[in-house]
Structure formats: structure tokens, C-alpha cells
Amino acid sequence: MRKRNDPKIDLDMLRVLEAMHHERHVTRAAARVGLSQPAMSRALAKLRGAFRDELFVRTARGMVPTPRADELAPAARGVLASADALRRSIAFDPNTLQRTFVLVAADYLDAVLLPPMTKALARAPGVTLVMRPFGERSAEDLATGAMDLIVGTRAIVPRDAMVQHLYEEHFMCAVRRGHPRVKRTLSLATFIELQHVLIAPRGDAPGSVDLALEARGMRRHIAVRTHTFNSAPLVVARSDLILTAPRRLLEPIAKPLGLALFEPPLRIEPFELVQAWHPRVQRDPAHAWFRELVASTVRRSARP
């Protein structure tokens, strides 16, 4: 029988234990379970009191588990797996769902997704949506459950992920209104002569524009290279540079920023936008509901 003064050990505390044992880092473990770092530290203190053990010791190599933590972690995973199975067996209702979903996407999709997603999530008041950029650990995080969904191109999707087509994205060219070289039309000669802004979120590999030019034996001059989508239109609005970027990025902001949009003066291959998730959550009703919500939101935003 549990003594009256013994701390109560609930599923949330076991999730903290499992996350700490996996991550060996307070901040990453906090992100994994959807807590702030101070809240994570408080939860860890409760765990230490409940089990009367330090559990994790700070060293130069991170938070190292004690033998007691190594003993408890497999048991905690088993309890959490059983709890998840029990929860999935209950009829799913988004109105009563208590869950944090982490969605990884390019920064321009924040503006496309967040407003309509926020409205759609009103019917699920217990759900929290966290948007994150794609990073080096994204494939691993998708497998471990630290993130739930990736929205982007197939190039960033892990090989073992489940993939769903969302829509095909096309390119537009943008210059500031009143540009001295671009009036009513944008010719290929002018396009080549102008200095360009390049959005390269994942490095310096040639993009669709450069591949299309290379096929014609042509090159452009890139004056500014940025890793974010949202900064590039601001640069163009305050300069004589030109930007070639996704239509869904440029169309909503063209008028407020004073941008003039043009069809590219050469054929640039569109790209496919997909969403991807790990096979382990394929049959999870809550995850299925969430990814259908994302798919319908993205597809509505893709309509002309």
C-alpha cells in the first residue's frame, strides 16, 4: 500500500523519465514531451523524490542515467505503450484529445498553414500545434516521436516514411513595383541581366531555376543567398533584385510589400509538396485526424 506522503507517479512523469533517458539532455527531452525547460526541471525533481534516486547526473557528456534510471526506463516504456494502446482502443473524439503535435515545414508554410490551422483546431481545444524548421535530426525525431509530421518536398522526407501527395507548387518572379528594368513584361534577357536573390534552405545545391538555365547554356548572377523564405521578399521590396519563389509564398504578400509578380520567362519545373509521417503512427486515430486536417488545410491554400 502506498504511503500517504509518497509522491504520486502518473503517466506524465513516466514520459519525462523516458524522454530524459532517451535524450540525455533536459532541453531536448522537454521538447520531446512538450514542456518548457523550467517545467521539465520541476518534473525531474518530482521523479527524483518519487524514486529516491538522482536518476540523471550532469556530466561533460550530458545527463547520464544512474543504474536506477536504467532499470526504470524499460518498465516506463512498457507502461506508456500499454497506455497508448488502451487510448487507441477508445473511440476517437478530437474535442477531448489532449496532445501536442509537432509539424516540421519550410518557414513560408507557417504563414500558409498557421491561420487556417488555428481556426480548424478550435474544435480540439486540448491540442497544441508546434511548428519547427527542418533540421539535421528531423529523420531521427520522426522515428522517435519527437516530431509528428513533415510537410515539404520529397527530397527532405526520410526513406522509411509514409508519404502523401498534397499539391504541385509553381514558381513566380517578383520585383519591386516601379523597378527601372521591369515594366509590363519580364523577358529572359532581362531576367538574366538582373541580380538575383536565392532561397537555399538546405545549402548551396543548384535549384530549379539554375537547372532550367543550365539546360539552355545560361547562368544568372546571385547577389544574395538566404536560408529563409520569408526574408527574401523583404530584400526584393527594398532593392532592384529579382526573386523566383513559390507562388504560394509570393501571392499573399505581393500587394502589402509592393511587389510586382510575373510568370518566369522560361520553363521551370514545379515541385511536389507532400506530408510524411513514421509508419508506427499510421493507425493512430489522433495522428490520422491531424494529418487529414493538415492535408485539407494545405490543399485549400493551394487553390487559385
C-alpha atoms as a PDB file:
ATOM      1  CA  MET A   1       0.000   0.000   0.000  1.00  0.00           C
ATOM      2  CA  ARG A   2       1.340   3.439  -0.979  1.00  0.00           C
ATOM      3  CA  LYS A   3       2.151   5.653   1.967  1.00  0.00           C
ATOM      4  CA  ARG A   4       0.198   8.884   2.225  1.00  0.00           C
ATOM      5  CA  ASN A   5       3.326  11.033   1.806  1.00  0.00           C
ATOM      6  CA  ASP A   6       4.731   9.133  -1.178  1.00  0.00           C
ATOM      7  CA  PRO A   7       4.527  11.206  -4.394  1.00  0.00           C
ATOM      8  CA  LYS A   8       2.028  10.014  -6.979  1.00  0.00           C
ATOM      9  CA  ILE A   9       3.647   8.655 -10.168  1.00  0.00           C
ATOM     10  CA  ASP A  10       1.495   9.312 -13.252  1.00  0.00           C
ATOM     11  CA  LEU A  11       1.944   8.795 -16.986  1.00  0.00           C
ATOM     12  CA  ASP A  12       3.272  12.314 -17.484  1.00  0.00           C
ATOM     13  CA  MET A  13       6.093  11.616 -15.035  1.00  0.00           C
ATOM     14  CA  LEU A  14       6.891   8.369 -16.830  1.00  0.00           C
ATOM     15  CA  ARG A  15       7.025  10.247 -20.140  1.00  0.00           C
ATOM     16  CA  VAL A  16       9.534  12.642 -18.608  1.00  0.00           C
ATOM     17  CA  LEU A  17      11.617   9.702 -17.371  1.00  0.00           C
ATOM     18  CA  GLU A  18      11.550   8.015 -20.790  1.00  0.00           C
ATOM     19  CA  ALA A  19      12.378  11.249 -22.632  1.00  0.00           C
ATOM     20  CA  MET A  20      15.301  12.035 -20.343  1.00  0.00           C
ATOM     21  CA  HIS A  21      16.642   8.511 -20.667  1.00  0.00           C
ATOM     22  CA  HIS A  22      16.480   8.727 -24.451  1.00  0.00           C
ATOM     23  CA  GLU A  23      17.727  12.302 -24.974  1.00  0.00           C
ATOM     24  CA  ARG A  24      20.241  12.650 -22.082  1.00  0.00           C
ATOM     25  CA  HIS A  25      19.566  16.407 -22.347  1.00  0.00           C
ATOM     26  CA  VAL A  26      16.986  18.487 -20.430  1.00  0.00           C
ATOM     27  CA  THR A  27      16.094  20.897 -23.272  1.00  0.00           C
ATOM     28  CA  ARG A  28      15.681  18.185 -25.906  1.00  0.00           C
ATOM     29  CA  ALA A  29      13.718  15.988 -23.508  1.00  0.00           C
ATOM     30  CA  ALA A  30      11.441  18.944 -22.713  1.00  0.00           C
ATOM     31  CA  ALA A  31      10.746  19.479 -26.422  1.00  0.00           C
ATOM     32  CA  ARG A  32      10.030  15.764 -26.817  1.00  0.00           C
ATOM     33  CA  VAL A  33       7.262  15.812 -24.197  1.00  0.00           C
ATOM     34  CA  GLY A  34       6.033  19.343 -24.940  1.00  0.00           C
ATOM     35  CA  LEU A  35       7.191  21.047 -21.727  1.00  0.00           C
ATOM     36  CA  SER A  36       9.113  24.224 -21.089  1.00  0.00           C
ATOM     37  CA  GLN A  37      12.591  23.758 -19.659  1.00  0.00           C
ATOM     38  CA  PRO A  38      11.572  25.039 -16.161  1.00  0.00           C
ATOM     39  CA  ALA A  39       8.570  22.681 -16.150  1.00  0.00           C
ATOM     40  CA  MET A  40      10.854  19.838 -17.202  1.00  0.00           C
ATOM     41  CA  SER A  41      13.241  20.612 -14.339  1.00  0.00           C
ATOM     42  CA  ARG A  42      10.335  20.574 -11.861  1.00  0.00           C
ATOM     43  CA  ALA A  43       9.097  17.257 -13.228  1.00  0.00           C
ATOM     44  CA  LEU A  44      12.583  15.797 -12.942  1.00  0.00           C
ATOM     45  CA  ALA A  45      12.754  16.934  -9.322  1.00  0.00           C
ATOM     46  CA  LYS A  46       9.442  15.136  -8.621  1.00  0.00           C
ATOM     47  CA  LEU A  47      10.783  11.987 -10.235  1.00  0.00           C
ATOM     48  CA  ARG A  48      13.904  12.086  -8.083  1.00  0.00           C
ATOM     49  CA  GLY A  49      11.769  12.465  -4.979  1.00  0.00           C
ATOM     50  CA  ALA A  50       9.380   9.705  -6.011  1.00  0.00           C
ATOM     51  CA  PHE A  51      12.119   7.167  -6.692  1.00  0.00           C
ATOM     52  CA  ARG A  52      14.547   8.476  -4.042  1.00  0.00           C
ATOM     53  CA  ASP A  53      17.368   8.499  -6.562  1.00  0.00           C
ATOM     54  CA  GLU A  54      19.255  11.179  -8.535  1.00  0.00           C
ATOM     55  CA  LEU A  55      18.233   9.304 -11.748  1.00  0.00           C
ATOM     56  CA  PHE A  56      20.263  11.594 -14.069  1.00  0.00           C
ATOM     57  CA  VAL A  57      23.637  13.137 -13.243  1.00  0.00           C
ATOM     58  CA  ARG A  58      25.002  16.129 -15.137  1.00  0.00           C
ATOM     59  CA  THR A  59      28.428  15.480 -16.714  1.00  0.00           C
ATOM     60  CA  ALA A  60      30.506  16.908 -19.556  1.00  0.00           C
ATOM     61  CA  ARG A  61      28.831  14.335 -21.821  1.00  0.00           C
ATOM     62  CA  GLY A  62      25.313  15.392 -20.843  1.00  0.00           C
ATOM     63  CA  MET A  63      22.832  13.961 -18.356  1.00  0.00           C
ATOM     64  CA  VAL A  64      24.000  10.410 -17.594  1.00  0.00           C
ATOM     65  CA  PRO A  65      21.406   7.972 -16.158  1.00  0.00           C
ATOM     66  CA  THR A  66      22.070   6.230 -12.878  1.00  0.00           C
ATOM     67  CA  PRO A  67      21.663   2.437 -12.609  1.00  0.00           C
ATOM     68  CA  ARG A  68      18.241   3.045 -11.080  1.00  0.00           C
ATOM     69  CA  ALA A  69      17.179   5.106 -14.136  1.00  0.00           C
ATOM     70  CA  ASP A  70      18.463   2.360 -16.456  1.00  0.00           C
ATOM     71  CA  GLU A  71      16.336  -0.104 -14.507  1.00  0.00           C
ATOM     72  CA  LEU A  72      13.202   2.063 -14.601  1.00  0.00           C
ATOM     73  CA  ALA A  73      13.312   3.210 -18.243  1.00  0.00           C
ATOM     74  CA  PRO A  74      12.256  -0.105 -19.893  1.00  0.00           C
ATOM     75  CA  ALA A  75       9.420  -0.502 -17.400  1.00  0.00           C
ATOM     76  CA  ALA A  76       8.270   3.063 -18.088  1.00  0.00           C
ATOM     77  CA  ARG A  77       8.273   2.410 -21.847  1.00  0.00           C
ATOM     78  CA  GLY A  78       6.156  -0.683 -21.319  1.00  0.00           C
ATOM     79  CA  VAL A  79       3.593   1.185 -19.219  1.00  0.00           C
ATOM     80  CA  LEU A  80       3.425   4.026 -21.760  1.00  0.00           C
ATOM     81  CA  ALA A  81       2.986   1.591 -24.661  1.00  0.00           C
ATOM     82  CA  SER A  82       0.119  -0.129 -22.819  1.00  0.00           C
ATOM     83  CA  ALA A  83      -1.497   3.220 -22.053  1.00  0.00           C
ATOM     84  CA  ASP A  84      -1.235   4.282 -25.699  1.00  0.00           C
ATOM     85  CA  ALA A  85      -2.801   1.016 -26.847  1.00  0.00           C
ATOM     86  CA  LEU A  86      -5.658   1.459 -24.377  1.00  0.00           C
ATOM     87  CA  ARG A  87      -6.208   5.036 -25.537  1.00  0.00           C
ATOM     88  CA  ARG A  88      -6.305   3.977 -29.200  1.00  0.00           C
ATOM     89  CA  SER A  89      -8.946   1.387 -28.408  1.00  0.00           C
ATOM     90  CA  ILE A  90     -11.312   4.104 -27.220  1.00  0.00           C
ATOM     91  CA  ALA A  91     -13.474   5.860 -29.835  1.00  0.00           C
ATOM     92  CA  PHE A  92     -11.557   8.912 -31.017  1.00  0.00           C
ATOM     93  CA  ASP A  93     -13.028  12.360 -30.304  1.00  0.00           C
ATOM     94  CA  PRO A  94     -10.966  15.465 -31.186  1.00  0.00           C
ATOM     95  CA  ASN A  95     -12.970  17.505 -28.678  1.00  0.00           C
ATOM     96  CA  THR A  96     -11.436  15.533 -25.803  1.00  0.00           C
ATOM     97  CA  LEU A  97      -7.960  14.989 -27.289  1.00  0.00           C
ATOM     98  CA  GLN A  98      -5.064  16.219 -25.122  1.00  0.00           C
ATOM     99  CA  ARG A  99      -1.946  16.181 -27.294  1.00  0.00           C
ATOM    100  CA  THR A 100       0.883  18.266 -28.753  1.00  0.00           C
ATOM    101  CA  PHE A 101       1.612  17.827 -32.461  1.00  0.00           C
ATOM    102  CA  VAL A 102       4.991  18.928 -33.827  1.00  0.00           C
ATOM    103  CA  LEU A 103       4.937  19.833 -37.522  1.00  0.00           C
ATOM    104  CA  VAL A 104       8.130  20.482 -39.485  1.00  0.00           C
ATOM    105  CA  ALA A 105       7.880  22.706 -42.556  1.00  0.00           C
ATOM    106  CA  ALA A 106       9.614  25.461 -44.510  1.00  0.00           C
ATOM    107  CA  ASP A 107       9.106  28.874 -42.950  1.00  0.00           C
ATOM    108  CA  TYR A 108       6.843  30.182 -45.725  1.00  0.00           C
ATOM    109  CA  LEU A 109       4.393  27.374 -44.941  1.00  0.00           C
ATOM    110  CA  ASP A 110       3.991  28.817 -41.434  1.00  0.00           C
ATOM    111  CA  ALA A 111       2.089  31.724 -42.984  1.00  0.00           C
ATOM    112  CA  VAL A 112       0.119  29.374 -45.245  1.00  0.00           C
ATOM    113  CA  LEU A 113      -0.767  26.841 -42.561  1.00  0.00           C
ATOM    114  CA  LEU A 114      -0.979  28.578 -39.207  1.00  0.00           C
ATOM    115  CA  PRO A 115      -4.009  30.911 -39.698  1.00  0.00           C
ATOM    116  CA  PRO A 116      -6.372  28.247 -41.116  1.00  0.00           C
ATOM    117  CA  MET A 117      -4.964  25.529 -38.843  1.00  0.00           C
ATOM    118  CA  THR A 118      -5.572  27.694 -35.785  1.00  0.00           C
ATOM    119  CA  LYS A 119      -9.188  28.114 -36.843  1.00  0.00           C
ATOM    120  CA  ALA A 120      -9.605  24.396 -37.520  1.00  0.00           C
ATOM    121  CA  LEU A 121      -8.086  23.445 -34.161  1.00  0.00           C
ATOM    122  CA  ALA A 122     -10.809  25.385 -32.336  1.00  0.00           C
ATOM    123  CA  ARG A 123     -12.825  22.143 -32.272  1.00  0.00           C
ATOM    124  CA  ALA A 124      -9.948  20.445 -30.442  1.00  0.00           C
ATOM    125  CA  PRO A 125      -9.168  22.803 -27.526  1.00  0.00           C
ATOM    126  CA  GLY A 126      -6.785  20.312 -25.902  1.00  0.00           C
ATOM    127  CA  VAL A 127      -4.478  20.177 -28.933  1.00  0.00           C
ATOM    128  CA  THR A 128      -1.290  22.257 -29.183  1.00  0.00           C
ATOM    129  CA  LEU A 129       0.420  22.795 -32.548  1.00  0.00           C
ATOM    130  CA  VAL A 130       4.197  23.370 -32.595  1.00  0.00           C
ATOM    131  CA  MET A 131       5.861  24.467 -35.862  1.00  0.00           C
ATOM    132  CA  ARG A 132       9.565  23.713 -36.330  1.00  0.00           C
ATOM    133  CA  PRO A 133      12.067  24.116 -39.198  1.00  0.00           C
ATOM    134  CA  PHE A 134      13.647  21.073 -40.794  1.00  0.00           C
ATOM    135  CA  GLY A 135      16.981  20.186 -39.196  1.00  0.00           C
ATOM    136  CA  GLU A 136      19.673  17.548 -39.148  1.00  0.00           C
ATOM    137  CA  ARG A 137      17.813  15.473 -36.531  1.00  0.00           C
ATOM    138  CA  SER A 138      14.443  15.552 -38.286  1.00  0.00           C
ATOM    139  CA  ALA A 139      14.576  11.998 -39.656  1.00  0.00           C
ATOM    140  CA  GLU A 140      15.555  10.659 -36.223  1.00  0.00           C
ATOM    141  CA  ASP A 141      12.943  12.811 -34.491  1.00  0.00           C
ATOM    142  CA  LEU A 142      10.222  11.491 -36.791  1.00  0.00           C
ATOM    143  CA  ALA A 143      11.181   7.915 -35.869  1.00  0.00           C
ATOM    144  CA  THR A 144      11.277   8.573 -32.114  1.00  0.00           C
ATOM    145  CA  GLY A 145       8.081  10.632 -31.985  1.00  0.00           C
ATOM    146  CA  ALA A 146       9.782  13.931 -31.140  1.00  0.00           C
ATOM    147  CA  MET A 147       8.014  15.248 -34.242  1.00  0.00           C
ATOM    148  CA  ASP A 148       4.784  14.075 -35.849  1.00  0.00           C
ATOM    149  CA  LEU A 149       4.707  15.300 -39.419  1.00  0.00           C
ATOM    150  CA  ILE A 150       6.937  16.769 -42.134  1.00  0.00           C
ATOM    151  CA  VAL A 151       5.443  18.987 -44.844  1.00  0.00           C
ATOM    152  CA  GLY A 152       7.807  19.737 -47.717  1.00  0.00           C
ATOM    153  CA  THR A 153       9.421  18.261 -50.815  1.00  0.00           C
ATOM    154  CA  ARG A 154      10.225  14.586 -51.246  1.00  0.00           C
ATOM    155  CA  ALA A 155      13.917  15.406 -51.023  1.00  0.00           C
ATOM    156  CA  ILE A 156      13.649  16.034 -47.270  1.00  0.00           C
ATOM    157  CA  VAL A 157      11.483  13.010 -46.473  1.00  0.00           C
ATOM    158  CA  PRO A 158      13.158  10.021 -44.735  1.00  0.00           C
ATOM    159  CA  ARG A 159      13.197   6.864 -46.834  1.00  0.00           C
ATOM    160  CA  ASP A 160      11.115   4.811 -44.407  1.00  0.00           C
ATOM    161  CA  ALA A 161       8.360   7.436 -44.003  1.00  0.00           C
ATOM    162  CA  MET A 162       4.760   7.189 -45.174  1.00  0.00           C
ATOM    163  CA  VAL A 163       4.145   9.863 -47.826  1.00  0.00           C
ATOM    164  CA  GLN A 164       1.001  11.615 -49.064  1.00  0.00           C
ATOM    165  CA  HIS A 165       0.868  13.965 -52.078  1.00  0.00           C
ATOM    166  CA  LEU A 166      -0.622  17.369 -51.247  1.00  0.00           C
ATOM    167  CA  TYR A 167      -0.258  19.543 -54.342  1.00  0.00           C
ATOM    168  CA  GLU A 168       2.088  20.749 -57.065  1.00  0.00           C
ATOM    169  CA  GLU A 169       3.773  24.115 -56.444  1.00  0.00           C
ATOM    170  CA  HIS A 170       4.704  26.509 -59.244  1.00  0.00           C
ATOM    171  CA  PHE A 171       7.139  29.412 -59.361  1.00  0.00           C
ATOM    172  CA  MET A 172       6.658  33.149 -59.849  1.00  0.00           C
ATOM    173  CA  CYS A 173       9.133  36.008 -60.255  1.00  0.00           C
ATOM    174  CA  ALA A 174       8.941  39.111 -58.072  1.00  0.00           C
ATOM    175  CA  VAL A 175      10.461  42.585 -58.332  1.00  0.00           C
ATOM    176  CA  ARG A 176       9.527  45.793 -56.566  1.00  0.00           C
ATOM    177  CA  ARG A 177       6.835  47.926 -58.171  1.00  0.00           C
ATOM    178  CA  GLY A 178       8.430  50.678 -60.208  1.00  0.00           C
ATOM    179  CA  HIS A 179      11.519  48.611 -60.956  1.00  0.00           C
ATOM    180  CA  PRO A 180      13.585  50.543 -63.547  1.00  0.00           C
ATOM    181  CA  ARG A 181      14.240  47.460 -65.719  1.00  0.00           C
ATOM    182  CA  VAL A 182      10.954  45.551 -65.455  1.00  0.00           C
ATOM    183  CA  LYS A 183       7.786  47.204 -66.713  1.00  0.00           C
ATOM    184  CA  ARG A 184       4.810  45.247 -68.056  1.00  0.00           C
ATOM    185  CA  THR A 185       6.669  42.099 -69.067  1.00  0.00           C
ATOM    186  CA  LEU A 186       9.723  40.151 -67.941  1.00  0.00           C
ATOM    187  CA  SER A 187      11.924  38.922 -70.782  1.00  0.00           C
ATOM    188  CA  LEU A 188      14.503  36.175 -70.468  1.00  0.00           C
ATOM    189  CA  ALA A 189      17.260  38.648 -71.418  1.00  0.00           C
ATOM    190  CA  THR A 190      16.255  40.971 -68.573  1.00  0.00           C
ATOM    191  CA  PHE A 191      15.878  38.034 -66.196  1.00  0.00           C
ATOM    192  CA  ILE A 192      19.489  37.015 -66.879  1.00  0.00           C
ATOM    193  CA  GLU A 193      20.856  40.557 -66.631  1.00  0.00           C
ATOM    194  CA  LEU A 194      19.274  41.281 -63.244  1.00  0.00           C
ATOM    195  CA  GLN A 195      20.860  40.309 -59.939  1.00  0.00           C
ATOM    196  CA  HIS A 196      19.003  37.591 -58.071  1.00  0.00           C
ATOM    197  CA  VAL A 197      18.043  36.574 -54.540  1.00  0.00           C
ATOM    198  CA  LEU A 198      18.342  32.817 -53.976  1.00  0.00           C
ATOM    199  CA  ILE A 199      16.481  30.939 -51.244  1.00  0.00           C
ATOM    200  CA  ALA A 200      18.570  27.909 -50.277  1.00  0.00           C
ATOM    201  CA  PRO A 201      17.174  26.413 -47.046  1.00  0.00           C
ATOM    202  CA  ARG A 202      19.402  23.330 -47.139  1.00  0.00           C
ATOM    203  CA  GLY A 203      22.654  24.522 -48.669  1.00  0.00           C
ATOM    204  CA  ASP A 204      24.153  25.558 -51.976  1.00  0.00           C
ATOM    205  CA  ALA A 205      22.915  22.824 -54.324  1.00  0.00           C
ATOM    206  CA  PRO A 206      21.563  24.147 -57.652  1.00  0.00           C
ATOM    207  CA  GLY A 207      17.836  24.794 -57.575  1.00  0.00           C
ATOM    208  CA  SER A 208      15.100  24.518 -60.184  1.00  0.00           C
ATOM    209  CA  VAL A 209      15.899  27.923 -61.712  1.00  0.00           C
ATOM    210  CA  ASP A 210      19.593  27.174 -62.155  1.00  0.00           C
ATOM    211  CA  LEU A 211      18.863  23.764 -63.658  1.00  0.00           C
ATOM    212  CA  ALA A 212      16.435  25.328 -66.161  1.00  0.00           C
ATOM    213  CA  LEU A 213      19.032  27.951 -67.133  1.00  0.00           C
ATOM    214  CA  GLU A 214      21.809  25.379 -67.355  1.00  0.00           C
ATOM    215  CA  ALA A 215      19.729  23.392 -69.862  1.00  0.00           C
ATOM    216  CA  ARG A 216      19.832  26.490 -72.086  1.00  0.00           C
ATOM    217  CA  GLY A 217      23.532  27.075 -71.526  1.00  0.00           C
ATOM    218  CA  MET A 218      22.808  30.124 -69.362  1.00  0.00           C
ATOM    219  CA  ARG A 219      23.651  31.289 -65.838  1.00  0.00           C
ATOM    220  CA  ARG A 220      22.350  34.011 -63.540  1.00  0.00           C
ATOM    221  CA  HIS A 221      24.170  36.189 -61.028  1.00  0.00           C
ATOM    222  CA  ILE A 222      23.127  35.581 -57.430  1.00  0.00           C
ATOM    223  CA  ALA A 223      23.708  38.691 -55.342  1.00  0.00           C
ATOM    224  CA  VAL A 224      22.054  37.494 -52.107  1.00  0.00           C
ATOM    225  CA  ARG A 225      21.659  33.963 -50.769  1.00  0.00           C
ATOM    226  CA  THR A 226      19.370  33.325 -47.795  1.00  0.00           C
ATOM    227  CA  HIS A 227      18.211  30.191 -45.992  1.00  0.00           C
ATOM    228  CA  THR A 228      14.747  31.571 -45.139  1.00  0.00           C
ATOM    229  CA  PHE A 229      11.779  32.091 -47.424  1.00  0.00           C
ATOM    230  CA  ASN A 230      10.259  34.987 -45.535  1.00  0.00           C
ATOM    231  CA  SER A 231      13.294  37.289 -45.641  1.00  0.00           C
ATOM    232  CA  ALA A 232      13.793  37.113 -49.411  1.00  0.00           C
ATOM    233  CA  PRO A 233      10.662  39.099 -50.457  1.00  0.00           C
ATOM    234  CA  LEU A 234      11.638  41.856 -47.995  1.00  0.00           C
ATOM    235  CA  VAL A 235      15.044  42.151 -49.676  1.00  0.00           C
ATOM    236  CA  VAL A 236      13.417  42.412 -53.107  1.00  0.00           C
ATOM    237  CA  ALA A 237      10.890  45.013 -51.928  1.00  0.00           C
ATOM    238  CA  ARG A 238      13.759  47.328 -50.929  1.00  0.00           C
ATOM    239  CA  SER A 239      16.143  46.766 -53.846  1.00  0.00           C
ATOM    240  CA  ASP A 240      16.394  46.189 -57.587  1.00  0.00           C
ATOM    241  CA  LEU A 241      16.982  42.451 -57.139  1.00  0.00           C
ATOM    242  CA  ILE A 242      14.669  39.766 -58.522  1.00  0.00           C
ATOM    243  CA  LEU A 243      13.335  36.707 -56.727  1.00  0.00           C
ATOM    244  CA  THR A 244      11.971  33.442 -58.133  1.00  0.00           C
ATOM    245  CA  ALA A 245       9.984  31.661 -55.445  1.00  0.00           C
ATOM    246  CA  PRO A 246       6.879  29.502 -54.815  1.00  0.00           C
ATOM    247  CA  ARG A 247       3.599  31.062 -55.924  1.00  0.00           C
ATOM    248  CA  ARG A 248       2.001  30.413 -52.519  1.00  0.00           C
ATOM    249  CA  LEU A 249       4.736  32.441 -50.854  1.00  0.00           C
ATOM    250  CA  LEU A 250       4.528  35.458 -53.147  1.00  0.00           C
ATOM    251  CA  GLU A 251       0.858  35.912 -53.978  1.00  0.00           C
ATOM    252  CA  PRO A 252      -0.443  36.740 -50.463  1.00  0.00           C
ATOM    253  CA  ILE A 253       2.340  39.273 -49.750  1.00  0.00           C
ATOM    254  CA  ALA A 254       2.780  40.940 -53.149  1.00  0.00           C
ATOM    255  CA  LYS A 255       0.338  43.781 -52.562  1.00  0.00           C
ATOM    256  CA  PRO A 256       1.352  44.625 -48.945  1.00  0.00           C
ATOM    257  CA  LEU A 257       5.060  44.635 -49.859  1.00  0.00           C
ATOM    258  CA  GLY A 258       4.621  46.487 -53.151  1.00  0.00           C
ATOM    259  CA  LEU A 259       5.829  43.619 -55.326  1.00  0.00           C
ATOM    260  CA  ALA A 260       5.059  43.041 -58.989  1.00  0.00           C
ATOM    261  CA  LEU A 261       4.694  39.379 -59.955  1.00  0.00           C
ATOM    262  CA  PHE A 262       5.495  37.811 -63.316  1.00  0.00           C
ATOM    263  CA  GLU A 263       5.418  34.361 -64.834  1.00  0.00           C
ATOM    264  CA  PRO A 264       9.006  33.123 -65.250  1.00  0.00           C
ATOM    265  CA  PRO A 265      10.347  33.781 -68.760  1.00  0.00           C
ATOM    266  CA  LEU A 266      11.449  30.131 -69.083  1.00  0.00           C
ATOM    267  CA  ARG A 267      10.018  26.769 -68.142  1.00  0.00           C
ATOM    268  CA  ILE A 268      10.855  25.959 -64.506  1.00  0.00           C
ATOM    269  CA  GLU A 269       9.803  22.547 -63.281  1.00  0.00           C
ATOM    270  CA  PRO A 270       7.224  22.746 -60.473  1.00  0.00           C
ATOM    271  CA  PHE A 271       7.812  20.750 -57.319  1.00  0.00           C
ATOM    272  CA  GLU A 272       5.601  18.370 -55.402  1.00  0.00           C
ATOM    273  CA  LEU A 273       4.585  19.192 -51.846  1.00  0.00           C
ATOM    274  CA  VAL A 274       4.000  16.165 -49.615  1.00  0.00           C
ATOM    275  CA  GLN A 275       3.426  15.318 -45.987  1.00  0.00           C
ATOM    276  CA  ALA A 276       5.287  12.456 -44.336  1.00  0.00           C
ATOM    277  CA  TRP A 277       4.993  10.520 -41.089  1.00  0.00           C
ATOM    278  CA  HIS A 278       6.520   7.443 -39.472  1.00  0.00           C
ATOM    279  CA  PRO A 279       4.812   4.065 -40.111  1.00  0.00           C
ATOM    280  CA  ARG A 280       4.407   3.453 -36.369  1.00  0.00           C
ATOM    281  CA  VAL A 281       1.617   6.099 -36.198  1.00  0.00           C
ATOM    282  CA  GLN A 282      -0.124   5.016 -39.402  1.00  0.00           C
ATOM    283  CA  ARG A 283      -3.079   3.554 -37.463  1.00  0.00           C
ATOM    284  CA  ASP A 284      -3.121   6.060 -34.610  1.00  0.00           C
ATOM    285  CA  PRO A 285      -6.588   7.714 -34.827  1.00  0.00           C
ATOM    286  CA  ALA A 286      -5.361  11.024 -33.400  1.00  0.00           C
ATOM    287  CA  HIS A 287      -2.460  11.203 -35.831  1.00  0.00           C
ATOM    288  CA  ALA A 288      -4.710  10.240 -38.747  1.00  0.00           C
ATOM    289  CA  TRP A 289      -7.085  13.045 -37.781  1.00  0.00           C
ATOM    290  CA  PHE A 290      -4.219  15.526 -37.520  1.00  0.00           C
ATOM    291  CA  ARG A 291      -2.638  14.712 -40.877  1.00  0.00           C
ATOM    292  CA  GLU A 292      -6.039  14.841 -42.599  1.00  0.00           C
ATOM    293  CA  LEU A 293      -6.528  18.280 -41.043  1.00  0.00           C
ATOM    294  CA  VAL A 294      -3.133  19.377 -42.405  1.00  0.00           C
ATOM    295  CA  ALA A 295      -3.854  17.913 -45.850  1.00  0.00           C
ATOM    296  CA  SER A 296      -7.211  19.635 -46.201  1.00  0.00           C
ATOM    297  CA  THR A 297      -5.768  22.934 -44.974  1.00  0.00           C
ATOM    298  CA  VAL A 298      -2.819  22.814 -47.373  1.00  0.00           C
ATOM    299  CA  ARG A 299      -4.994  21.850 -50.313  1.00  0.00           C
ATOM    300  CA  ARG A 300      -7.401  24.714 -49.665  1.00  0.00           C
ATOM    301  CA  SER A 301      -4.461  27.119 -49.598  1.00  0.00           C
ATOM    302  CA  ALA A 302      -3.263  25.721 -52.939  1.00  0.00           C
ATOM    303  CA  ARG A 303      -6.445  26.636 -54.788  1.00  0.00           C
ATOM    304  CA  PRO A 304      -6.054  29.615 -57.141  1.00  0.00           C
END
